[in-house]
Amino acid sequence: MENAHLKNISGLLLATLFISTSGVLGRYIAMPTEVIIWFRAAIAMVLLYFYCKYKKIDLTIKSSKDYKPFFISGLLMALHWVTYFYALKLSNVALGVLSLYTFPIIIALLEPLFLKVKFDPIYILLGLMVLTGLFILTPEFNIESTQVKGILFGVFSAFCYAVRVLILKQHVAKYNGTMLMFYQTVIITILLLPTLFFMDISGFKSQFPYLLLLAFLTTAIGHSLMLHSLKFFSASTASIISSLQPIFGIILAFFFLQEIPTMRTFWGGSLILLTVVIESVRSRNKFKV
């Protein structure tokens, strides 16, 4: 049991690291946001399809009742990605990622309504710890600044992501995580297809390597691993542990974008890390094979 728990925790942490690369890539790629997301989804869709075929993963949606939640979750994922990338481009990687990480609190508050589980008051404390860490990390800002607009986009992205996770949580018992991610990318590709006809795509050739990395590492692998982890942890547990993403994102931004973190970053990041450690220990005690 301990080895299985360690394996699943490691998978969740690896998923968090891979997903955190979206911050650097989203800010670096020089193309319109909606176009970036379309290529991200379209390339990931192809990769996930061939992976599912190779692994003989069933792509059949077993019930017509599942069509609606599949579509709604795909729509929310599209909104999450687009608004998150706007947050990155309007502010910086640190603020964009950190504003997104209000979503563990949103999930903790909404999970009993979606999944009919008993609300655990500990998530209020852990959520407040994460929020405090984000508050410490966030610099002072003017309400009219682009940074504030970026933060607002990030919080809205967090809400979309939280609701999407809770909707998918209802279906992971019967669907493979990679299969779920495949259909997410299909829906996003269809929804954002019109953007190719009225937005600038001239930079595609030079930006393709980074789009491929975003689609393969961040999306196909990272998000599939994250969805897979929902089989072993509650949505609240998975979301709070994945709060390491701001730390990973800030470190990557330092090395690849020369965005230098401040002492506030270190203090806030330490508080988030403490929250992750606490939840990792708690989840071990309630883990089931």
Protein backbone atom coordinates (compact mmCIF):
# COMPACT_ATOMS: atom_id res chain seq x y z
CA MET A 1 0.00 0.00 0.00
CA GLU A 2 2.82 2.42 0.89
CA ASN A 3 4.59 1.77 -2.43
CA ALA A 4 1.34 2.33 -4.35
CA HIS A 5 0.71 5.55 -2.46
CA LEU A 6 4.25 6.79 -3.17
CA LYS A 7 3.81 5.95 -6.85
CA ASN A 8 0.54 7.90 -7.07
CA ILE A 9 1.92 10.89 -5.16
CA SER A 10 4.95 10.89 -7.47
CA GLY A 11 2.67 10.79 -10.52
CA LEU A 12 0.68 13.74 -9.21
CA LEU A 13 3.84 15.76 -8.53
CA LEU A 14 5.22 14.92 -11.98
CA ALA A 15 1.94 16.03 -13.55
CA THR A 16 2.21 19.30 -11.63
CA LEU A 17 5.75 19.89 -12.92
CA PHE A 18 4.77 19.23 -16.53
CA ILE A 19 1.66 21.43 -16.33
CA SER A 20 3.72 24.24 -14.79
CA THR A 21 5.68 24.57 -18.05
CA SER A 22 2.58 26.24 -19.52
CA GLY A 23 3.47 29.47 -17.71
CA VAL A 24 6.82 29.92 -19.43
CA LEU A 25 5.58 28.67 -22.80
CA GLY A 26 2.38 30.72 -22.68
CA ARG A 27 4.31 33.92 -22.05
CA TYR A 28 7.10 33.11 -24.51
CA ILE A 29 5.16 32.02 -27.62
CA ALA A 30 4.63 35.05 -29.86
CA MET A 31 1.16 34.34 -31.27
CA PRO A 32 -2.42 35.40 -30.40
CA THR A 33 -3.68 33.59 -27.31
CA GLU A 34 -6.64 31.87 -28.97
CA VAL A 35 -4.42 30.64 -31.82
CA ILE A 36 -1.88 29.24 -29.34
CA ILE A 37 -4.64 27.35 -27.55
CA TRP A 38 -6.03 25.98 -30.84
CA PHE A 39 -2.64 24.59 -31.87
CA ARG A 40 -2.07 23.31 -28.35
CA ALA A 41 -5.35 21.41 -28.39
CA ALA A 42 -5.11 20.22 -32.01
CA ILE A 43 -1.59 18.83 -31.71
CA ALA A 44 -2.36 17.24 -28.33
CA MET A 45 -5.53 15.72 -29.79
CA VAL A 46 -3.53 13.90 -32.47
CA LEU A 47 -0.88 12.74 -30.00
CA LEU A 48 -3.47 11.50 -27.54
CA TYR A 49 -5.43 9.69 -30.25
CA PHE A 50 -2.42 7.65 -31.38
CA TYR A 51 -1.43 7.00 -27.77
CA CYS A 52 -4.91 5.68 -26.99
CA LYS A 53 -4.79 3.44 -30.06
CA TYR A 54 -1.31 2.19 -29.13
CA LYS A 55 -2.38 1.43 -25.56
CA LYS A 56 -5.75 0.08 -26.75
CA ILE A 57 -7.58 2.59 -24.55
CA ASP A 58 -11.32 2.49 -25.20
CA LEU A 59 -12.52 5.81 -26.65
CA THR A 60 -16.19 4.89 -26.47
CA ILE A 61 -18.45 7.20 -24.45
CA LYS A 62 -20.55 4.60 -22.67
CA SER A 63 -23.72 6.59 -22.08
CA SER A 64 -25.56 9.34 -23.94
CA LYS A 65 -26.01 11.01 -20.55
CA ASP A 66 -22.26 11.67 -20.52
CA TYR A 67 -22.28 13.78 -23.70
CA LYS A 68 -23.42 16.91 -21.90
CA PRO A 69 -20.84 16.84 -19.07
CA PHE A 70 -18.11 15.97 -21.61
CA PHE A 71 -19.02 19.04 -23.70
CA ILE A 72 -19.41 21.38 -20.72
CA SER A 73 -16.07 20.30 -19.25
CA GLY A 74 -14.43 20.82 -22.66
CA LEU A 75 -15.93 24.31 -22.91
CA LEU A 76 -14.68 25.13 -19.40
CA MET A 77 -11.23 23.82 -20.30
CA ALA A 78 -11.14 26.11 -23.35
CA LEU A 79 -12.11 29.11 -21.20
CA HIS A 80 -9.56 28.10 -18.57
CA TRP A 81 -6.69 27.89 -21.06
CA VAL A 82 -7.55 31.10 -22.94
CA THR A 83 -8.05 33.27 -19.85
CA TYR A 84 -4.96 31.81 -18.16
CA PHE A 85 -2.79 32.70 -21.15
CA TYR A 86 -4.27 36.21 -21.15
CA ALA A 87 -3.28 36.43 -17.48
CA LEU A 88 0.29 35.41 -18.35
CA LYS A 89 0.64 37.90 -21.20
CA LEU A 90 -0.91 40.80 -19.25
CA SER A 91 1.23 40.29 -16.14
CA ASN A 92 4.06 37.76 -15.76
CA VAL A 93 4.50 34.07 -15.02
CA ALA A 94 4.49 34.55 -11.23
CA LEU A 95 1.27 36.58 -11.05
CA GLY A 96 -0.44 34.52 -13.74
CA VAL A 97 0.27 31.20 -12.07
CA LEU A 98 -0.40 32.48 -8.56
CA SER A 99 -3.78 34.01 -9.40
CA LEU A 100 -4.76 30.70 -10.96
CA TYR A 101 -4.05 29.00 -7.64
CA THR A 102 -7.14 30.33 -5.99
CA PHE A 103 -8.76 27.22 -7.50
CA PRO A 104 -8.03 24.85 -4.57
CA ILE A 105 -10.23 27.04 -2.36
CA ILE A 106 -12.95 27.13 -5.03
CA ILE A 107 -12.83 23.34 -5.37
CA ALA A 108 -12.89 22.79 -1.61
CA LEU A 109 -16.01 24.95 -1.29
CA LEU A 110 -17.83 23.48 -4.32
CA GLU A 111 -16.90 19.80 -3.99
CA PRO A 112 -19.72 18.91 -1.54
CA LEU A 113 -22.28 20.48 -3.91
CA PHE A 114 -21.01 18.60 -6.97
CA LEU A 115 -20.03 15.25 -5.50
CA LYS A 116 -22.32 15.03 -2.46
CA VAL A 117 -19.43 14.34 -0.11
CA LYS A 118 -19.16 15.56 3.46
CA PHE A 119 -17.36 18.88 3.69
CA ASP A 120 -14.04 18.61 5.55
CA PRO A 121 -13.34 21.84 7.48
CA ILE A 122 -9.58 21.21 7.20
CA TYR A 123 -9.78 22.35 3.58
CA ILE A 124 -10.76 25.81 4.78
CA LEU A 125 -7.54 26.00 6.80
CA LEU A 126 -5.39 24.55 4.01
CA GLY A 127 -7.06 26.78 1.46
CA LEU A 128 -6.43 29.83 3.63
CA MET A 129 -2.79 28.80 3.94
CA VAL A 130 -2.49 28.66 0.17
CA LEU A 131 -4.30 32.00 -0.15
CA THR A 132 -1.98 33.57 2.41
CA GLY A 133 1.01 32.27 0.48
CA LEU A 134 -0.38 33.81 -2.70
CA PHE A 135 -1.03 37.10 -0.89
CA ILE A 136 2.58 37.22 0.28
CA LEU A 137 3.80 36.46 -3.23
CA THR A 138 1.64 39.10 -4.91
CA PRO A 139 3.20 42.58 -5.10
CA GLU A 140 1.28 45.81 -4.54
CA PHE A 141 -0.64 46.84 -7.62
CA ASN A 142 -2.78 49.57 -9.12
CA ILE A 143 -6.37 48.66 -9.99
CA GLU A 144 -5.89 50.14 -13.49
CA SER A 145 -2.67 48.26 -14.24
CA THR A 146 -2.33 45.39 -16.68
CA GLN A 147 -1.11 43.28 -13.75
CA VAL A 148 -4.49 43.59 -12.05
CA LYS A 149 -6.25 42.67 -15.28
CA GLY A 150 -3.95 39.67 -15.51
CA ILE A 151 -4.83 38.62 -11.97
CA LEU A 152 -8.57 38.92 -12.68
CA PHE A 153 -8.19 36.77 -15.78
CA GLY A 154 -6.25 34.29 -13.65
CA VAL A 155 -8.96 34.08 -10.98
CA PHE A 156 -11.67 33.56 -13.63
CA SER A 157 -9.47 30.86 -15.18
CA ALA A 158 -9.24 29.26 -11.73
CA PHE A 159 -13.04 29.16 -11.43
CA CYS A 160 -13.40 27.51 -14.85
CA TYR A 161 -10.73 24.96 -13.98
CA ALA A 162 -12.28 24.15 -10.60
CA VAL A 163 -15.74 23.50 -12.03
CA ARG A 164 -14.24 21.43 -14.86
CA VAL A 165 -12.30 19.23 -12.38
CA LEU A 166 -15.42 18.62 -10.31
CA ILE A 167 -17.48 17.68 -13.38
CA LEU A 168 -14.82 15.23 -14.57
CA LYS A 169 -14.44 13.81 -11.07
CA GLN A 170 -17.91 12.36 -11.48
CA HIS A 171 -16.72 10.28 -14.46
CA VAL A 172 -13.19 9.06 -13.69
CA ALA A 173 -14.53 5.86 -12.15
CA LYS A 174 -15.50 4.57 -15.60
CA TYR A 175 -13.26 6.52 -18.00
CA ASN A 176 -9.50 6.50 -18.52
CA GLY A 177 -7.75 9.82 -17.79
CA THR A 178 -6.05 9.92 -21.20
CA MET A 179 -9.36 9.24 -22.91
CA LEU A 180 -10.95 12.13 -21.01
CA MET A 181 -8.13 14.46 -22.02
CA PHE A 182 -8.47 13.37 -25.65
CA TYR A 183 -12.10 14.43 -25.76
CA GLN A 184 -11.25 17.70 -24.02
CA THR A 185 -8.80 18.53 -26.81
CA VAL A 186 -11.31 17.50 -29.50
CA ILE A 187 -13.93 19.90 -28.11
CA ILE A 188 -11.43 22.76 -27.73
CA THR A 189 -10.12 22.22 -31.28
CA ILE A 190 -13.65 22.48 -32.68
CA LEU A 191 -14.65 25.48 -30.55
CA LEU A 192 -11.56 27.54 -31.42
CA LEU A 193 -11.29 26.57 -35.10
CA PRO A 194 -12.88 29.86 -36.31
CA THR A 195 -10.00 31.85 -34.77
CA LEU A 196 -7.68 30.60 -37.53
CA PHE A 197 -9.67 32.59 -40.09
CA PHE A 198 -9.46 36.03 -38.51
CA MET A 199 -6.34 35.99 -36.30
CA ASP A 200 -2.66 36.20 -37.23
CA ILE A 201 -1.06 32.77 -37.67
CA SER A 202 1.99 33.96 -39.60
CA GLY A 203 4.34 33.05 -36.76
CA PHE A 204 3.40 29.37 -36.82
CA LYS A 205 6.60 28.10 -38.49
CA SER A 206 9.00 29.77 -36.05
CA GLN A 207 6.87 28.99 -33.00
CA PHE A 208 6.06 25.37 -33.91
CA PRO A 209 8.74 23.73 -31.66
CA TYR A 210 7.33 25.55 -28.63
CA LEU A 211 3.74 24.77 -29.63
CA LEU A 212 4.73 21.10 -29.92
CA LEU A 213 6.32 21.16 -26.47
CA LEU A 214 3.21 22.82 -25.04
CA ALA A 215 0.95 20.22 -26.65
CA PHE A 216 3.06 17.15 -25.83
CA LEU A 217 4.65 17.74 -22.43
CA THR A 218 2.25 20.19 -20.81
CA THR A 219 -1.03 18.97 -22.25
CA ALA A 220 -0.91 15.37 -23.44
CA ILE A 221 1.29 14.06 -20.62
CA GLY A 222 0.74 16.56 -17.80
CA HIS A 223 -3.03 16.81 -17.88
CA SER A 224 -3.51 13.08 -18.51
CA LEU A 225 -1.44 12.31 -15.42
CA MET A 226 -3.45 14.87 -13.45
CA LEU A 227 -6.78 13.33 -14.48
CA HIS A 228 -5.41 9.87 -13.69
CA SER A 229 -4.55 11.01 -10.16
CA LEU A 230 -8.23 11.77 -9.50
CA LYS A 231 -8.77 8.00 -9.30
CA PHE A 232 -6.69 7.92 -6.11
CA PHE A 233 -7.23 11.31 -4.45
CA SER A 234 -10.15 13.64 -3.85
CA ALA A 235 -10.39 16.71 -6.08
CA SER A 236 -9.44 18.86 -3.08
CA THR A 237 -6.39 16.73 -2.26
CA ALA A 238 -5.17 16.71 -5.86
CA SER A 239 -5.67 20.45 -6.26
CA ILE A 240 -3.87 21.39 -3.03
CA ILE A 241 -0.91 19.10 -3.73
CA SER A 242 -0.67 20.56 -7.23
CA SER A 243 -0.24 23.98 -5.61
CA LEU A 244 3.45 23.32 -6.12
CA GLN A 245 2.84 24.56 -9.66
CA PRO A 246 3.51 28.24 -8.77
CA ILE A 247 6.88 27.29 -7.30
CA PHE A 248 7.79 25.19 -10.34
CA GLY A 249 6.54 27.93 -12.66
CA ILE A 250 8.54 30.67 -10.95
CA ILE A 251 11.71 28.56 -11.03
CA LEU A 252 11.25 27.83 -14.74
CA ALA A 253 10.55 31.52 -15.44
CA PHE A 254 13.78 32.44 -13.64
CA PHE A 255 15.89 30.14 -15.83
CA PHE A 256 14.16 30.65 -19.17
CA LEU A 257 12.69 34.18 -19.00
CA GLN A 258 15.03 35.79 -16.47
CA GLU A 259 12.08 36.75 -14.26
CA ILE A 260 13.84 37.13 -10.91
CA PRO A 261 11.80 36.15 -7.82
CA THR A 262 11.81 38.37 -4.72
CA MET A 263 11.96 37.49 -1.03
CA ARG A 264 8.15 37.65 -1.02
CA THR A 265 8.25 34.84 -3.57
CA PHE A 266 10.38 32.67 -1.30
CA TRP A 267 8.22 33.29 1.79
CA GLY A 268 4.94 32.74 -0.02
CA GLY A 269 6.31 29.70 -1.80
CA SER A 270 7.45 28.21 1.50
CA LEU A 271 3.92 28.50 2.92
CA ILE A 272 2.46 26.81 -0.16
CA LEU A 273 5.05 24.04 0.12
CA LEU A 274 4.10 23.51 3.78
CA THR A 275 0.47 23.13 2.75
CA VAL A 276 1.44 20.52 0.15
CA VAL A 277 3.42 18.52 2.72
CA ILE A 278 0.52 18.57 5.21
CA GLU A 279 -1.98 17.39 2.60
CA SER A 280 0.41 14.71 1.33
CA VAL A 281 0.62 13.23 4.84
CA ARG A 282 -3.16 13.46 5.32
CA SER A 283 -3.90 11.81 1.97
CA ARG A 284 -1.58 8.93 2.84
CA ASN A 285 -3.72 8.03 5.84
CA LYS A 286 -6.93 7.86 3.81
CA PHE A 287 -5.39 6.29 0.69
CA LYS A 288 -7.07 3.21 -0.74
CA VAL A 289 -5.50 0.76 -3.20
